[in-house]
Protein backbone atom coordinates (compact mmCIF):
# COMPACT_ATOMS: atom_id res chain seq x y z
CA MET A 1 134.66 45.09 26.39
CA PRO A 2 134.25 48.74 25.96
CA PRO A 3 132.25 49.55 22.99
CA PRO A 4 134.55 50.01 19.78
CA PHE A 5 133.26 53.39 18.56
CA ALA A 6 134.26 54.32 15.09
CA HIS A 7 132.92 57.91 15.39
CA VAL A 8 131.58 60.07 18.16
CA ILE A 9 129.05 62.85 17.38
CA PHE A 10 128.61 65.57 19.89
CA ASP A 11 125.79 67.99 20.42
CA TRP A 12 127.09 71.38 21.08
CA SER A 13 125.06 73.59 23.42
CA GLY A 14 124.64 72.03 26.92
CA THR A 15 126.89 69.19 25.97
CA LEU A 16 130.20 70.65 24.90
CA PHE A 17 129.43 74.21 25.38
CA ASP A 18 127.81 75.64 28.51
CA ASP A 19 125.35 78.22 27.23
CA GLN A 20 122.34 77.62 29.33
CA ALA A 21 122.34 81.18 30.74
CA PRO A 22 122.68 82.86 27.26
CA ALA A 23 120.05 80.46 25.80
CA PHE A 24 117.50 81.28 28.56
CA LEU A 25 118.10 84.92 28.23
CA ALA A 26 117.85 84.85 24.46
CA THR A 27 114.65 82.58 24.68
CA ARG A 28 112.96 84.79 27.15
CA GLN A 29 113.59 87.97 25.08
CA THR A 30 112.48 86.28 21.87
CA ILE A 31 109.21 85.22 23.34
CA LEU A 32 108.57 88.70 24.68
CA ASP A 33 109.71 90.30 21.14
CA LEU A 34 107.27 88.05 19.50
CA GLY A 35 104.19 88.89 21.61
CA GLY A 36 104.42 85.72 24.05
CA ARG A 37 104.36 85.51 27.90
CA ARG A 38 107.19 86.20 30.07
CA ILE A 39 108.91 83.03 31.13
CA THR A 40 111.09 82.25 34.28
CA ARG A 41 114.17 80.12 34.47
CA ALA A 42 112.24 77.48 36.20
CA ASP A 43 109.85 77.46 33.15
CA PHE A 44 112.83 77.09 30.88
CA ASP A 45 114.57 74.35 32.77
CA ARG A 46 111.44 72.37 33.34
CA HIS A 47 109.78 72.52 29.87
CA PHE A 48 112.22 73.46 27.23
CA THR A 49 112.61 70.82 24.59
CA LEU A 50 113.64 70.26 21.03
CA PRO A 51 112.30 70.80 18.41
CA ALA A 52 111.68 74.19 20.03
CA LEU A 53 108.45 75.18 18.23
CA GLY A 54 106.16 73.52 20.78
CA PHE A 55 107.81 75.41 23.66
CA TYR A 56 107.13 78.77 21.97
CA ARG A 57 103.55 77.86 21.22
CA ARG A 58 103.22 76.77 24.97
CA HIS A 59 104.18 80.41 25.85
CA GLY A 60 102.08 82.25 23.36
CA VAL A 61 104.16 82.70 20.21
CA THR A 62 102.28 82.23 16.97
CA GLU A 63 104.94 83.16 14.54
CA PRO A 64 106.16 80.57 12.17
CA ALA A 65 109.25 78.49 13.04
CA ALA A 66 111.63 80.32 10.58
CA ALA A 67 110.58 83.60 12.18
CA ILE A 68 111.30 82.34 15.66
CA ASP A 69 114.66 81.05 14.77
CA ARG A 70 115.59 84.28 13.00
CA GLN A 71 114.64 86.43 16.04
CA TYR A 72 116.25 83.98 18.51
CA PHE A 73 119.73 84.04 16.99
CA GLN A 74 119.69 87.74 16.56
CA VAL A 75 119.21 88.02 20.26
CA TYR A 76 121.47 85.08 21.19
CA GLU A 77 124.39 86.71 19.42
CA ARG A 78 124.39 89.41 22.17
CA PHE A 79 124.72 86.70 24.89
CA ILE A 80 126.98 83.96 23.38
CA GLY A 81 130.11 85.56 24.85
CA ARG A 82 128.95 84.43 28.25
CA GLY A 83 129.25 80.68 27.44
CA ARG A 84 132.19 78.51 27.98
CA LEU A 85 133.36 74.99 27.30
CA PHE A 86 132.49 72.56 30.00
CA PRO A 87 135.40 71.28 32.13
CA GLY A 88 136.52 68.01 30.59
CA ALA A 89 135.17 68.79 27.18
CA ARG A 90 138.41 69.76 25.52
CA GLU A 91 140.41 67.05 27.11
CA ALA A 92 137.72 64.40 25.82
CA LEU A 93 138.09 65.73 22.32
CA GLN A 94 141.85 65.71 22.61
CA MET A 95 141.87 62.15 23.79
CA LEU A 96 139.63 61.07 20.85
CA ALA A 97 142.01 62.84 18.37
CA HIS A 98 145.11 61.14 20.11
CA GLN A 99 143.32 57.72 19.68
CA HIS A 100 142.35 58.56 16.00
CA ILE A 101 138.70 58.32 16.75
CA PRO A 102 136.98 60.99 14.56
CA ALA A 103 134.49 63.37 16.17
CA SER A 104 131.72 65.71 14.75
CA ILE A 105 129.35 68.28 15.96
CA PHE A 106 125.74 68.07 15.38
CA SER A 107 123.74 71.16 16.66
CA THR A 108 120.67 73.31 16.54
CA LEU A 109 122.87 76.35 16.83
CA ARG A 110 123.09 78.50 13.73
CA GLN A 111 125.91 77.48 11.49
CA ASP A 112 127.96 80.72 11.59
CA LEU A 113 127.51 80.95 15.31
CA LEU A 114 128.67 77.38 15.75
CA GLU A 115 131.78 77.88 13.73
CA THR A 116 132.55 81.24 15.55
CA ALA A 117 132.02 79.53 18.92
CA CYS A 118 134.26 76.54 18.07
CA ASP A 119 137.02 78.71 16.80
CA ALA A 120 136.67 80.99 19.92
CA CYS A 121 136.86 77.75 22.29
CA GLY A 122 139.90 76.36 20.23
CA VAL A 123 138.11 73.07 19.34
CA HIS A 124 137.85 73.67 15.52
CA GLU A 125 140.86 71.45 14.76
CA LEU A 126 139.61 68.58 17.13
CA VAL A 127 136.29 67.92 15.07
CA GLY A 128 136.13 67.01 11.40
CA THR A 129 132.59 68.30 10.67
CA MET A 130 130.57 71.04 12.48
CA GLN A 131 127.05 70.88 11.34
CA GLY A 132 124.61 73.56 12.76
CA SER A 133 121.28 74.98 11.93
CA VAL A 134 119.66 71.52 12.62
CA ALA A 135 115.94 72.22 13.57
CA ASP A 136 115.12 68.54 14.12
CA LYS A 137 117.87 66.05 14.99
CA VAL A 138 115.82 63.05 14.30
CA ARG A 139 115.00 64.14 10.80
CA GLY A 140 118.53 65.67 10.25
CA MET A 141 120.60 62.70 11.49
CA PRO A 142 120.73 60.89 8.17
CA ALA A 143 122.22 63.81 6.51
CA HIS A 144 124.85 64.16 9.07
CA LEU A 145 125.75 60.50 8.82
CA ALA A 146 126.11 61.04 5.21
CA ARG A 147 128.45 63.96 5.64
CA ILE A 148 130.68 62.11 7.94
CA GLY A 149 130.76 58.92 5.88
CA ARG A 150 129.11 56.80 8.47
CA ARG A 151 126.32 54.28 8.41
CA ALA A 152 123.51 54.12 11.11
CA LYS A 153 125.34 51.54 13.33
CA PRO A 154 125.91 51.10 17.09
CA ASP A 155 129.64 51.78 16.67
CA VAL A 156 128.70 55.60 16.17
CA LEU A 157 128.08 57.21 19.55
CA PHE A 158 125.93 60.38 19.81
CA VAL A 159 126.51 62.33 22.91
CA GLY A 160 123.94 65.00 23.98
CA ASP A 161 122.11 66.40 26.81
CA THR A 162 118.38 66.26 25.99
CA ALA A 163 115.72 63.49 25.47
CA HIS A 164 115.66 64.62 21.72
CA ASP A 165 119.27 63.71 21.43
CA VAL A 166 118.65 60.27 22.86
CA GLU A 167 115.62 59.84 20.32
CA ALA A 168 117.72 60.86 17.45
CA ALA A 169 120.27 58.24 18.18
CA ALA A 170 117.55 55.53 18.92
CA ARG A 171 115.70 56.22 15.72
CA HIS A 172 118.76 55.59 13.55
CA GLY A 173 120.46 52.73 15.33
CA LEU A 174 123.25 54.76 16.96
CA THR A 175 124.58 54.42 20.61
CA SER A 176 123.22 57.20 22.89
CA GLY A 177 124.98 58.90 25.68
CA CYS A 178 123.91 61.82 27.75
CA VAL A 179 125.53 64.16 30.25
CA LEU A 180 123.45 65.30 33.19
CA SER A 181 124.83 68.93 33.32
CA GLY A 182 122.86 69.98 30.27
CA TYR A 183 119.37 71.29 29.24
CA HIS A 184 117.32 68.46 30.53
CA GLY A 185 117.26 67.19 34.18
CA GLU A 186 118.01 63.68 35.30
CA ALA A 187 114.49 62.40 35.36
CA ARG A 188 113.65 63.55 31.85
CA LEU A 189 116.94 62.13 30.51
CA LEU A 190 116.63 58.74 32.10
CA ALA A 191 113.09 58.44 30.87
CA ALA A 192 114.46 58.59 27.32
CA LYS A 193 116.69 55.55 28.13
CA PRO A 194 120.14 56.55 26.97
CA ARG A 195 122.78 53.75 26.78
CA PHE A 196 125.18 55.76 28.72
CA VAL A 197 124.77 58.62 31.30
CA TRP A 198 127.69 60.67 32.73
CA GLN A 199 127.43 63.03 35.65
CA SER A 200 129.76 65.44 33.99
CA GLN A 201 132.01 65.97 31.01
CA ALA A 202 134.95 65.10 33.30
CA ASP A 203 133.69 61.46 33.09
CA TRP A 204 134.43 61.13 29.38
CA VAL A 205 138.08 60.91 29.49
CA PRO A 206 138.29 57.66 31.59
CA PHE A 207 135.38 56.36 29.55
CA PHE A 208 137.09 56.96 26.11
CA THR A 209 140.46 55.69 27.36
CA ALA A 210 139.17 52.48 28.88
CA ARG A 211 140.78 49.38 27.38
CA PRO A 212 139.32 45.86 26.94
CA ALA A 213 139.32 44.18 30.45
CA ARG A 214 141.42 40.93 30.24
CA PRO A 215 141.22 38.28 32.78
CA ALA A 216 144.48 38.28 35.02
CA ARG A 217 144.24 34.52 35.37
CA ALA A 218 141.79 31.69 34.69
CA PRO A 219 138.56 31.53 36.73
CA ARG A 220 138.67 29.40 39.86
CA GLU A 221 137.11 26.08 39.86
CA TYR A 222 134.93 26.91 42.84
CA PRO A 223 132.45 29.79 43.64
CA VAL A 224 134.12 33.01 44.74
CA ALA A 225 132.34 34.82 47.55
CA THR A 226 131.86 38.48 47.05
CA VAL A 227 130.23 41.47 48.74
CA GLY A 228 128.56 44.48 47.42
CA ALA A 229 126.16 47.16 48.71
CA LEU A 230 123.36 49.45 47.38
CA ILE A 231 124.65 52.68 49.27
CA ALA A 232 122.20 55.51 50.00
CA ASN A 233 123.17 59.05 50.78
CA PRO A 234 121.26 61.59 52.96
CA ALA A 235 119.52 63.01 49.81
CA GLY A 236 117.89 59.53 49.31
CA LYS A 237 119.88 58.60 46.28
CA ILE A 238 121.83 55.48 45.53
CA LEU A 239 125.31 55.03 44.25
CA LEU A 240 125.89 53.20 40.97
CA VAL A 241 129.25 52.78 39.03
CA LEU A 242 130.02 52.27 35.35
CA THR A 243 132.41 49.37 35.02
CA HIS A 244 134.00 47.90 32.03
CA LYS A 245 134.28 44.59 33.75
CA TRP A 246 130.54 44.00 33.54
CA SER A 247 130.22 45.11 29.70
CA HIS A 248 129.89 48.84 30.40
CA THR A 249 126.91 48.38 32.61
CA TYR A 250 126.00 50.15 35.83
CA GLY A 251 126.37 48.28 39.10
CA ILE A 252 127.10 48.53 42.72
CA PRO A 253 130.63 48.72 44.31
CA GLY A 254 132.08 45.76 45.98
CA GLY A 255 134.56 42.89 45.65
CA LYS A 256 135.94 39.64 46.85
CA ILE A 257 135.99 38.47 50.43
CA GLU A 258 139.73 37.67 51.46
CA LYS A 259 140.69 34.50 53.26
CA GLY A 260 140.03 34.97 56.98
CA GLU A 261 138.03 38.13 56.52
CA ASP A 262 134.40 38.36 57.57
CA ALA A 263 131.73 39.58 55.06
CA ILE A 264 131.08 42.85 56.79
CA ALA A 265 134.65 43.72 57.11
CA ALA A 266 135.29 42.91 53.49
CA LEU A 267 132.22 45.01 52.52
CA ARG A 268 133.63 48.13 54.51
CA ARG A 269 137.00 47.49 52.95
CA GLU A 270 135.87 47.11 49.34
CA ILE A 271 133.59 50.28 49.61
CA ARG A 272 136.38 52.42 51.19
CA GLU A 273 138.79 51.29 48.68
CA GLU A 274 136.70 51.69 45.52
CA THR A 275 134.78 54.91 46.46
CA GLY A 276 136.40 56.40 49.53
CA LEU A 277 133.12 56.32 51.42
CA ALA A 278 132.46 55.11 54.97
CA ILE A 279 129.19 53.17 55.32
CA SER A 280 127.05 52.35 58.23
CA GLU A 281 123.47 50.85 58.81
CA ILE A 282 124.44 47.65 56.81
CA ASP A 283 121.58 45.34 56.22
CA PHE A 284 121.66 41.99 54.43
CA VAL A 285 119.28 41.67 51.32
CA LEU A 286 119.96 38.47 49.57
CA VAL A 287 122.64 36.20 48.09
CA GLN A 288 122.72 35.63 44.34
CA ASP A 289 124.22 32.72 42.51
CA CYS A 290 125.89 34.19 39.47
CA ILE A 291 127.15 31.39 37.17
CA ASP A 292 128.70 31.98 33.82
CA SER A 293 127.39 35.59 33.50
CA PRO A 294 127.67 36.73 29.87
CA GLU A 295 128.05 40.29 31.18
CA PHE A 296 131.17 39.50 33.24
CA TYR A 297 134.57 39.79 31.59
CA VAL A 298 136.01 36.55 32.83
CA PRO A 299 134.14 33.59 31.03
CA LYS A 300 132.86 30.65 32.98
CA SER A 301 133.03 32.58 36.33
CA HIS A 302 130.89 31.54 39.40
CA PHE A 303 130.27 34.04 42.07
CA LEU A 304 128.22 33.98 45.36
CA LEU A 305 127.02 37.65 45.53
CA PHE A 306 126.24 38.76 49.03
CA ASN A 307 124.27 41.89 48.73
CA TYR A 308 123.46 44.43 51.34
CA THR A 309 122.07 47.98 51.74
CA ALA A 310 123.99 50.62 53.57
CA ARG A 311 124.18 54.35 54.14
CA THR A 312 126.71 56.99 53.97
CA LYS A 313 126.87 60.56 55.34
CA GLY A 314 128.81 61.91 52.29
CA THR A 315 128.43 62.10 48.56
CA LYS A 316 131.90 62.83 47.53
CA VAL A 317 133.12 59.73 45.70
CA LYS A 318 136.82 58.99 44.89
CA LEU A 319 137.12 56.21 42.34
CA ASN A 320 140.18 54.00 42.47
CA GLY A 321 140.20 52.66 38.92
CA GLU A 322 137.79 49.88 39.37
CA ALA A 323 135.01 51.98 37.75
CA LEU A 324 134.87 54.62 35.04
CA SER A 325 132.36 56.80 36.46
CA TYR A 326 129.60 56.98 39.05
CA LEU A 327 126.09 58.31 39.59
CA TRP A 328 123.93 59.23 42.55
CA ILE A 329 120.40 58.42 41.55
CA ALA A 330 117.00 57.72 42.80
CA PRO A 331 116.32 53.86 43.01
CA ARG A 332 113.23 53.75 40.67
CA GLU A 333 114.97 55.99 38.29
CA ALA A 334 117.91 53.68 38.24
CA LEU A 335 115.81 50.98 36.75
CA ALA A 336 115.83 52.86 33.45
CA LEU A 337 119.73 52.54 33.24
CA HIS A 338 121.56 49.67 31.61
CA LEU A 339 122.18 47.81 34.82
CA ASN A 340 123.88 44.48 35.08
CA GLU A 341 121.39 41.82 35.96
CA PRO A 342 122.63 41.19 39.59
CA THR A 343 122.17 44.82 40.28
CA ARG A 344 118.81 45.02 38.72
CA THR A 345 117.84 41.93 40.85
CA LEU A 346 118.93 43.75 44.08
CA ILE A 347 117.29 47.03 43.43
CA GLU A 348 114.10 45.28 42.58
CA ALA A 349 114.29 43.08 45.77
CA VAL A 350 115.15 46.15 47.89
CA LEU A 351 112.09 48.13 46.50
CA ALA A 352 109.85 45.09 46.90
CA ARG A 353 110.68 44.92 50.49
CA ASP A 354 110.70 48.53 51.18
CA PRO A 355 108.95 50.66 48.40
CA GLY A 356 110.06 53.84 50.07
CA PHE A 357 113.73 53.08 50.28
CA PRO A 358 116.00 54.72 51.07
CA THR A 359 113.93 57.26 52.90
């Protein structure tokens, strides 16, 4: 079942609005204006966090937080025109509005600048509440929930792009989601353990439009043989897909073996159909007896899961509708995701056998 969200809260900068270049330029200039040390884009990408005071202290700024904010936003106003909505952001907001799922914005951006940017991007009418000037989202979340008339429950999703966003959701019992195209890199975000992770904002529309998966027929009375593979690309990352059939958890692509089809042929066919990828170097790992999994959408199912590793030369994935989105991710980092149990078992078995996989 897809999560029945009653409200979706979005961060603005780095989540809906791509202003990383303006934010870096404004932060660098603010630090210099207040007597700090010059920073590089690499410093900003690696160490910037929220609340931002610690970052400024790290680079030699001793002014109080209010003075830093005042100076930063004065400078940021000169660069905000370079920002743009991320591709897919408007479509996601429109889809939520079409489904009558209310959305709001919860941002550190100064209130007047947030409202101006929302107007300029044409999303003002798609969100009910725009709350800016939030210095600390963990502390500020209760007030935002009160403004939107919601309680701290898992049916409220907070979508952001930083570990601070994930922490704010976790501390107040909300469901967290993070997009990897924002201010924090993959490793920092996954370490915060968000419930959902998206490669880009384009993944939101299929996620929000997914309907409860219903069994096409009653489960068979005998075990069903299936194949699936942990696929590695040339960069040393593995492919995981987000599927509503397994309770919105991350897993590996694969499917049933057809009558008269050998397992390897079935694996190549299923991977090609579900991802568009051609695979090679196929290696058997283990078989799992999956009986009555509470994660699977068909109750009282019994599968024999033949699990493999494989490699592919490409990274361009074309999903066929079996999955909502996909990630290329390092195997050990993948263990921080909400994996279905068979996939977690497979990854752990592969790493126990070969700690350096897939290099």
